[in-house]
Amino acid sequence: MASKGQKFRTHPVDFKVSVVKEYLNDSTLSLAALARKYDLNTGLLWQWIHQFKTTGIPVTRQSGRPRKDGKPINTASHDTISMGNEK
């Protein structure tokens, strides 16, 4: 649970993609070592990797309460990021 007055860090999408690609492309690098390198929580890094593998897009999260009209809060579209191994 968050403490009163706690500040949360946000990470840009391009940073998330670069960290995930670094993990996926370097087989000698462990998840914990990469998390230490970038001062990230291993659970957060695992979420990014899992989301990237399953959907192909970087982790984005909508914040706030859903709108009553059913439209998404953030209307920005996300392009899928290719791993470079697709033909």
N, C-alpha and C. Protein backbone atom coordinates (compact mmCIF):
# COMPACT_ATOMS: atom_id res chain seq x y z
N MET A 1 0.84 -1.18 0.00
CA MET A 1 0.00 0.00 0.00
C MET A 1 0.88 1.23 0.00
N ALA A 2 0.45 2.24 -0.66
CA ALA A 2 1.22 3.47 -0.77
C ALA A 2 1.17 4.26 0.53
N SER A 3 2.28 4.87 0.83
CA SER A 3 2.35 5.73 2.01
C SER A 3 1.84 7.12 1.68
N LYS A 4 1.42 7.84 2.68
CA LYS A 4 0.92 9.19 2.48
C LYS A 4 2.06 10.06 1.95
N GLY A 5 1.79 10.76 0.87
CA GLY A 5 2.78 11.65 0.29
C GLY A 5 3.81 10.96 -0.59
N GLN A 6 3.65 9.66 -0.84
CA GLN A 6 4.60 8.92 -1.63
C GLN A 6 4.54 9.36 -3.09
N LYS A 7 5.68 9.51 -3.71
CA LYS A 7 5.76 9.87 -5.13
C LYS A 7 5.97 8.61 -5.95
N PHE A 8 5.27 8.49 -7.04
CA PHE A 8 5.40 7.34 -7.93
C PHE A 8 6.19 7.77 -9.16
N ARG A 9 7.10 6.90 -9.58
CA ARG A 9 7.88 7.18 -10.77
C ARG A 9 7.13 6.72 -12.00
N THR A 10 7.21 7.49 -13.05
CA THR A 10 6.66 7.08 -14.33
C THR A 10 7.81 6.95 -15.31
N HIS A 11 7.69 6.01 -16.22
CA HIS A 11 8.75 5.74 -17.18
C HIS A 11 8.19 5.93 -18.58
N PRO A 12 8.93 6.63 -19.45
CA PRO A 12 8.46 6.80 -20.83
C PRO A 12 8.40 5.46 -21.57
N VAL A 13 7.54 5.37 -22.54
CA VAL A 13 7.34 4.14 -23.28
C VAL A 13 8.63 3.70 -23.97
N ASP A 14 9.39 4.64 -24.55
CA ASP A 14 10.61 4.26 -25.25
C ASP A 14 11.65 3.67 -24.29
N PHE A 15 11.66 4.13 -23.03
CA PHE A 15 12.55 3.55 -22.02
C PHE A 15 12.13 2.11 -21.73
N LYS A 16 10.83 1.89 -21.57
CA LYS A 16 10.31 0.54 -21.29
C LYS A 16 10.67 -0.42 -22.41
N VAL A 17 10.47 0.02 -23.64
CA VAL A 17 10.76 -0.83 -24.80
C VAL A 17 12.25 -1.15 -24.86
N SER A 18 13.10 -0.17 -24.60
CA SER A 18 14.54 -0.42 -24.68
C SER A 18 15.00 -1.40 -23.59
N VAL A 19 14.44 -1.30 -22.39
CA VAL A 19 14.80 -2.22 -21.31
C VAL A 19 14.32 -3.63 -21.63
N VAL A 20 13.10 -3.75 -22.12
CA VAL A 20 12.55 -5.07 -22.45
C VAL A 20 13.35 -5.71 -23.59
N LYS A 21 13.67 -4.93 -24.62
CA LYS A 21 14.44 -5.48 -25.73
C LYS A 21 15.84 -5.88 -25.28
N GLU A 22 16.43 -5.12 -24.36
CA GLU A 22 17.74 -5.48 -23.84
C GLU A 22 17.67 -6.83 -23.13
N TYR A 23 16.63 -7.06 -22.37
CA TYR A 23 16.46 -8.34 -21.67
C TYR A 23 16.25 -9.48 -22.66
N LEU A 24 15.41 -9.26 -23.66
CA LEU A 24 15.09 -10.33 -24.61
C LEU A 24 16.25 -10.65 -25.55
N ASN A 25 17.07 -9.67 -25.85
CA ASN A 25 18.17 -9.88 -26.79
C ASN A 25 19.45 -10.39 -26.13
N ASP A 26 19.62 -10.19 -24.83
CA ASP A 26 20.84 -10.60 -24.14
C ASP A 26 20.51 -11.80 -23.24
N SER A 27 20.90 -13.00 -23.69
CA SER A 27 20.55 -14.21 -22.95
C SER A 27 21.38 -14.39 -21.68
N THR A 28 22.48 -13.63 -21.54
CA THR A 28 23.32 -13.77 -20.35
C THR A 28 22.87 -12.87 -19.21
N LEU A 29 21.96 -11.95 -19.48
CA LEU A 29 21.52 -10.98 -18.49
C LEU A 29 20.30 -11.50 -17.75
N SER A 30 20.40 -11.55 -16.42
CA SER A 30 19.25 -12.02 -15.64
C SER A 30 18.28 -10.87 -15.40
N LEU A 31 17.07 -11.23 -15.04
CA LEU A 31 16.05 -10.23 -14.76
C LEU A 31 16.46 -9.36 -13.57
N ALA A 32 17.01 -9.99 -12.53
CA ALA A 32 17.43 -9.24 -11.35
C ALA A 32 18.58 -8.29 -11.66
N ALA A 33 19.52 -8.73 -12.51
CA ALA A 33 20.66 -7.88 -12.86
C ALA A 33 20.20 -6.67 -13.66
N LEU A 34 19.26 -6.88 -14.57
CA LEU A 34 18.73 -5.76 -15.34
C LEU A 34 17.95 -4.80 -14.46
N ALA A 35 17.19 -5.33 -13.51
CA ALA A 35 16.43 -4.49 -12.59
C ALA A 35 17.39 -3.64 -11.74
N ARG A 36 18.49 -4.23 -11.29
CA ARG A 36 19.48 -3.46 -10.52
C ARG A 36 20.14 -2.39 -11.38
N LYS A 37 20.42 -2.74 -12.63
CA LYS A 37 21.09 -1.81 -13.54
C LYS A 37 20.28 -0.53 -13.72
N TYR A 38 18.97 -0.67 -13.85
CA TYR A 38 18.10 0.48 -14.09
C TYR A 38 17.33 0.93 -12.85
N ASP A 39 17.65 0.36 -11.70
CA ASP A 39 16.98 0.70 -10.44
C ASP A 39 15.46 0.53 -10.56
N LEU A 40 15.06 -0.67 -11.00
CA LEU A 40 13.65 -1.00 -11.14
C LEU A 40 13.30 -2.18 -10.25
N ASN A 41 12.05 -2.31 -9.93
CA ASN A 41 11.55 -3.45 -9.20
C ASN A 41 11.45 -4.63 -10.17
N THR A 42 11.87 -5.82 -9.73
CA THR A 42 11.84 -6.98 -10.62
C THR A 42 10.41 -7.33 -11.04
N GLY A 43 9.45 -7.12 -10.15
CA GLY A 43 8.05 -7.40 -10.48
C GLY A 43 7.55 -6.47 -11.58
N LEU A 44 7.95 -5.21 -11.51
CA LEU A 44 7.56 -4.24 -12.53
C LEU A 44 8.17 -4.62 -13.88
N LEU A 45 9.45 -4.97 -13.84
CA LEU A 45 10.13 -5.37 -15.07
C LEU A 45 9.49 -6.64 -15.66
N TRP A 46 9.12 -7.58 -14.82
CA TRP A 46 8.45 -8.79 -15.29
C TRP A 46 7.12 -8.45 -15.95
N GLN A 47 6.37 -7.50 -15.39
CA GLN A 47 5.10 -7.08 -15.99
C GLN A 47 5.33 -6.51 -17.38
N TRP A 48 6.35 -5.66 -17.52
CA TRP A 48 6.65 -5.07 -18.82
C TRP A 48 6.97 -6.16 -19.84
N ILE A 49 7.80 -7.13 -19.44
CA ILE A 49 8.22 -8.19 -20.35
C ILE A 49 7.03 -9.06 -20.74
N HIS A 50 6.21 -9.43 -19.77
CA HIS A 50 5.04 -10.26 -20.03
C HIS A 50 4.07 -9.54 -20.98
N GLN A 51 3.80 -8.28 -20.72
CA GLN A 51 2.89 -7.50 -21.57
C GLN A 51 3.46 -7.39 -22.99
N PHE A 52 4.75 -7.16 -23.09
CA PHE A 52 5.39 -7.02 -24.39
C PHE A 52 5.33 -8.32 -25.18
N LYS A 53 5.54 -9.44 -24.49
CA LYS A 53 5.50 -10.74 -25.17
C LYS A 53 4.08 -11.11 -25.60
N THR A 54 3.09 -10.81 -24.79
CA THR A 54 1.72 -11.24 -25.09
C THR A 54 1.02 -10.32 -26.09
N THR A 55 1.20 -9.02 -25.97
CA THR A 55 0.46 -8.09 -26.83
C THR A 55 1.33 -7.39 -27.86
N GLY A 56 2.63 -7.33 -27.63
CA GLY A 56 3.51 -6.66 -28.58
C GLY A 56 3.59 -5.16 -28.39
N ILE A 57 2.87 -4.65 -27.41
CA ILE A 57 2.93 -3.22 -27.15
C ILE A 57 3.54 -2.99 -25.77
N PRO A 58 4.15 -1.85 -25.58
CA PRO A 58 4.70 -1.57 -24.26
C PRO A 58 3.59 -1.40 -23.23
N VAL A 59 3.97 -1.53 -22.00
CA VAL A 59 3.00 -1.43 -20.92
C VAL A 59 2.48 0.00 -20.82
N THR A 60 1.19 0.12 -20.95
CA THR A 60 0.52 1.40 -20.70
C THR A 60 -0.67 1.10 -19.81
N ARG A 61 -0.96 1.99 -18.95
CA ARG A 61 -2.05 1.75 -18.01
C ARG A 61 -2.95 2.96 -18.00
N GLN A 62 -4.23 2.73 -18.11
CA GLN A 62 -5.17 3.83 -18.00
C GLN A 62 -5.40 4.09 -16.53
N SER A 63 -5.32 5.33 -16.16
CA SER A 63 -5.59 5.66 -14.78
C SER A 63 -6.94 6.37 -14.69
N GLY A 64 -7.52 6.28 -13.54
CA GLY A 64 -8.80 6.94 -13.33
C GLY A 64 -9.98 6.01 -13.52
N ARG A 65 -11.12 6.54 -13.25
CA ARG A 65 -12.35 5.78 -13.34
C ARG A 65 -12.81 5.72 -14.79
N PRO A 66 -13.37 4.58 -15.21
CA PRO A 66 -13.87 4.48 -16.59
C PRO A 66 -14.98 5.49 -16.85
N ARG A 67 -15.04 5.94 -18.08
CA ARG A 67 -16.07 6.91 -18.44
C ARG A 67 -17.42 6.22 -18.58
N LYS A 68 -18.49 6.97 -18.32
CA LYS A 68 -19.83 6.40 -18.40
C LYS A 68 -20.24 6.08 -19.83
N ASP A 69 -19.71 6.83 -20.80
CA ASP A 69 -20.11 6.61 -22.18
C ASP A 69 -19.36 5.45 -22.83
N GLY A 70 -18.43 4.83 -22.10
CA GLY A 70 -17.72 3.66 -22.60
C GLY A 70 -16.51 3.95 -23.44
N LYS A 71 -16.25 5.23 -23.75
CA LYS A 71 -15.07 5.57 -24.54
C LYS A 71 -13.83 5.45 -23.66
N PRO A 72 -12.70 5.09 -24.25
CA PRO A 72 -11.48 5.00 -23.45
C PRO A 72 -11.03 6.38 -22.98
N ILE A 73 -10.34 6.39 -21.84
CA ILE A 73 -9.86 7.65 -21.28
C ILE A 73 -8.78 8.25 -22.16
N ASN A 74 -7.81 7.41 -22.54
CA ASN A 74 -6.72 7.86 -23.39
C ASN A 74 -6.99 7.36 -24.79
N THR A 75 -7.18 8.27 -25.74
CA THR A 75 -7.53 7.87 -27.09
C THR A 75 -6.31 7.69 -27.98
N ALA A 76 -5.11 7.83 -27.43
CA ALA A 76 -3.90 7.64 -28.24
C ALA A 76 -3.78 6.18 -28.65
N SER A 77 -3.48 5.95 -29.91
CA SER A 77 -3.35 4.57 -30.38
C SER A 77 -1.92 4.10 -30.16
N HIS A 78 -1.77 2.82 -29.98
CA HIS A 78 -0.46 2.22 -29.76
C HIS A 78 -0.13 1.33 -30.95
N ASP A 79 1.02 1.57 -31.55
CA ASP A 79 1.48 0.72 -32.63
C ASP A 79 2.22 -0.46 -32.02
N THR A 80 2.09 -1.60 -32.66
CA THR A 80 2.83 -2.76 -32.14
C THR A 80 4.29 -2.59 -32.48
N ILE A 81 5.12 -3.00 -31.56
CA ILE A 81 6.56 -2.91 -31.72
C ILE A 81 7.05 -4.25 -32.23
N SER A 82 7.76 -4.24 -33.34
CA SER A 82 8.24 -5.52 -33.86
C SER A 82 9.54 -5.90 -33.19
N MET A 83 9.72 -7.18 -33.02
CA MET A 83 10.94 -7.70 -32.41
C MET A 83 12.07 -7.81 -33.43
N GLY A 84 11.78 -7.62 -34.71
CA GLY A 84 12.79 -7.73 -35.73
C GLY A 84 12.94 -9.13 -36.28
N ASN A 85 12.23 -10.11 -35.72
CA ASN A 85 12.35 -11.47 -36.20
C ASN A 85 11.13 -11.89 -37.02
N GLU A 86 10.17 -11.00 -37.25
CA GLU A 86 9.03 -11.32 -38.07
C GLU A 86 9.40 -11.09 -39.53
N LYS A 87 8.75 -11.84 -40.42
CA LYS A 87 9.05 -11.69 -41.85
C LYS A 87 7.94 -10.98 -42.55
